[in-house]
Amino acid sequence: MAASNLEPVAQIPLAMLCGTLSGGIQFTKASARLAINASPEPVSNAVVSTTEDGLSMFVLYMIIRHLVIATIVIVVLIALTVWLLIKLFKFAKKVIVFLFRRKSGES
């Protein structure tokens, strides 16, 4: 409860912001996994999982030792997440259009 000493007027928007950010990050991760799992080779899955684990440990270390630098890194990662989310929406749209055209062509 990091915000437990704040007034409810500040807690509610902060909780909404954190929930939205968390949901967006999870959606981006799930979308990226969908695109990665579409590749037939197993190497990409192992590389992505290892990178995720390493990045998580790096960010936790930076939060403990260098808070200002960690904040900058997290802001950059959020910006990359937004960029990736936009790219993944475009990719998902292309896949859905391809699947519907393919299905309508078979009928």
Protein backbone atom coordinates (compact mmCIF):
# COMPACT_ATOMS: atom_id res chain seq x y z
CA MET A 1 0.00 0.00 0.00
CA ALA A 2 2.41 2.63 -1.20
CA ALA A 3 -0.35 5.23 -1.47
CA SER A 4 -2.12 4.42 1.81
CA ASN A 5 -1.09 7.73 3.36
CA LEU A 6 -2.68 9.72 0.51
CA GLU A 7 -6.19 11.09 0.52
CA PRO A 8 -8.85 9.15 -1.45
CA VAL A 9 -8.91 12.04 -3.94
CA ALA A 10 -5.34 11.12 -4.92
CA GLN A 11 -5.63 7.35 -4.38
CA ILE A 12 -8.45 6.77 -6.88
CA PRO A 13 -6.78 8.43 -9.93
CA LEU A 14 -3.47 6.80 -8.99
CA ALA A 15 -5.13 3.37 -8.79
CA MET A 16 -6.85 3.95 -12.13
CA LEU A 17 -3.58 5.00 -13.76
CA CYS A 18 -1.68 2.00 -12.39
CA GLY A 19 -4.45 -0.41 -13.39
CA THR A 20 -4.60 1.00 -16.91
CA LEU A 21 -0.82 0.82 -17.24
CA SER A 22 -0.74 -2.74 -15.94
CA GLY A 23 -3.54 -3.82 -18.28
CA GLY A 24 -1.84 -2.22 -21.26
CA ILE A 25 1.44 -3.92 -20.46
CA GLN A 26 -0.23 -7.32 -20.08
CA PHE A 27 -2.13 -6.83 -23.36
CA THR A 28 1.08 -5.89 -25.15
CA LYS A 29 2.88 -8.91 -23.72
CA ALA A 30 0.05 -11.24 -24.72
CA SER A 31 -0.07 -9.76 -28.23
CA ALA A 32 3.69 -10.06 -28.63
CA ARG A 33 3.52 -13.68 -27.47
CA LEU A 34 0.84 -14.36 -30.09
CA ALA A 35 3.10 -12.98 -32.81
CA ILE A 36 6.17 -14.81 -31.48
CA ASN A 37 4.41 -18.14 -31.09
CA ALA A 38 3.33 -17.94 -34.72
CA SER A 39 6.94 -18.57 -35.73
CA PRO A 40 7.75 -22.25 -36.16
CA GLU A 41 11.20 -22.34 -34.56
CA PRO A 42 11.57 -22.77 -30.78
CA VAL A 43 14.55 -20.43 -30.47
CA SER A 44 12.53 -17.19 -30.52
CA ASN A 45 10.38 -18.32 -27.58
CA ALA A 46 13.44 -19.12 -25.46
CA VAL A 47 15.12 -15.83 -26.36
CA VAL A 48 12.02 -13.78 -25.53
CA SER A 49 11.46 -15.58 -22.20
CA THR A 50 15.08 -15.13 -21.18
CA THR A 51 15.02 -11.47 -22.19
CA GLU A 52 11.83 -10.87 -20.17
CA ASP A 53 13.34 -12.49 -17.08
CA GLY A 54 16.62 -10.61 -17.44
CA LEU A 55 14.87 -7.29 -17.98
CA SER A 56 12.70 -7.85 -14.90
CA MET A 57 15.74 -8.59 -12.74
CA PHE A 58 17.59 -5.58 -14.18
CA VAL A 59 14.71 -3.20 -13.45
CA LEU A 60 14.33 -4.54 -9.88
CA TYR A 61 18.05 -4.10 -9.27
CA MET A 62 17.95 -0.57 -10.66
CA ILE A 63 14.95 0.32 -8.49
CA ILE A 64 16.83 -0.80 -5.38
CA ARG A 65 20.20 0.76 -6.22
CA HIS A 66 19.54 3.66 -8.62
CA LEU A 67 16.00 4.96 -8.39
CA VAL A 68 16.36 7.93 -10.76
CA ILE A 69 17.96 5.85 -13.50
CA ALA A 70 15.33 3.14 -12.96
CA THR A 71 12.58 5.71 -13.38
CA ILE A 72 14.10 6.83 -16.68
CA VAL A 73 14.43 3.21 -17.83
CA ILE A 74 10.81 2.49 -16.89
CA VAL A 75 9.57 5.57 -18.77
CA VAL A 76 11.52 4.46 -21.85
CA LEU A 77 10.10 0.93 -21.50
CA ILE A 78 6.57 2.34 -21.26
CA ALA A 79 7.19 4.36 -24.43
CA LEU A 80 8.45 1.22 -26.17
CA THR A 81 5.37 -0.65 -24.93
CA VAL A 82 3.07 1.96 -26.45
CA TRP A 83 4.99 1.80 -29.74
CA LEU A 84 4.89 -2.00 -29.74
CA LEU A 85 1.18 -2.00 -28.91
CA ILE A 86 0.49 0.18 -31.95
CA LYS A 87 2.55 -2.14 -34.15
CA LEU A 88 0.82 -5.23 -32.74
CA PHE A 89 -2.63 -3.77 -33.36
CA LYS A 90 -1.66 -3.23 -37.00
CA PHE A 91 -0.29 -6.79 -37.18
CA ALA A 92 -3.43 -8.25 -35.60
CA LYS A 93 -5.61 -6.30 -38.02
CA LYS A 94 -3.66 -7.69 -40.99
CA VAL A 95 -3.94 -11.24 -39.63
CA ILE A 96 -7.69 -10.91 -39.08
CA VAL A 97 -8.24 -9.44 -42.54
CA PHE A 98 -6.13 -12.24 -44.06
CA LEU A 99 -8.08 -14.93 -42.19
CA PHE A 100 -11.47 -13.51 -43.16
CA ARG A 101 -10.47 -13.17 -46.82
CA ARG A 102 -9.11 -16.71 -46.79
CA LYS A 103 -12.25 -18.08 -45.15
CA SER A 104 -14.59 -16.22 -47.51
CA GLY A 105 -12.56 -17.45 -50.49
CA GLU A 106 -12.93 -21.10 -49.42
CA SER A 107 -16.73 -20.91 -49.12
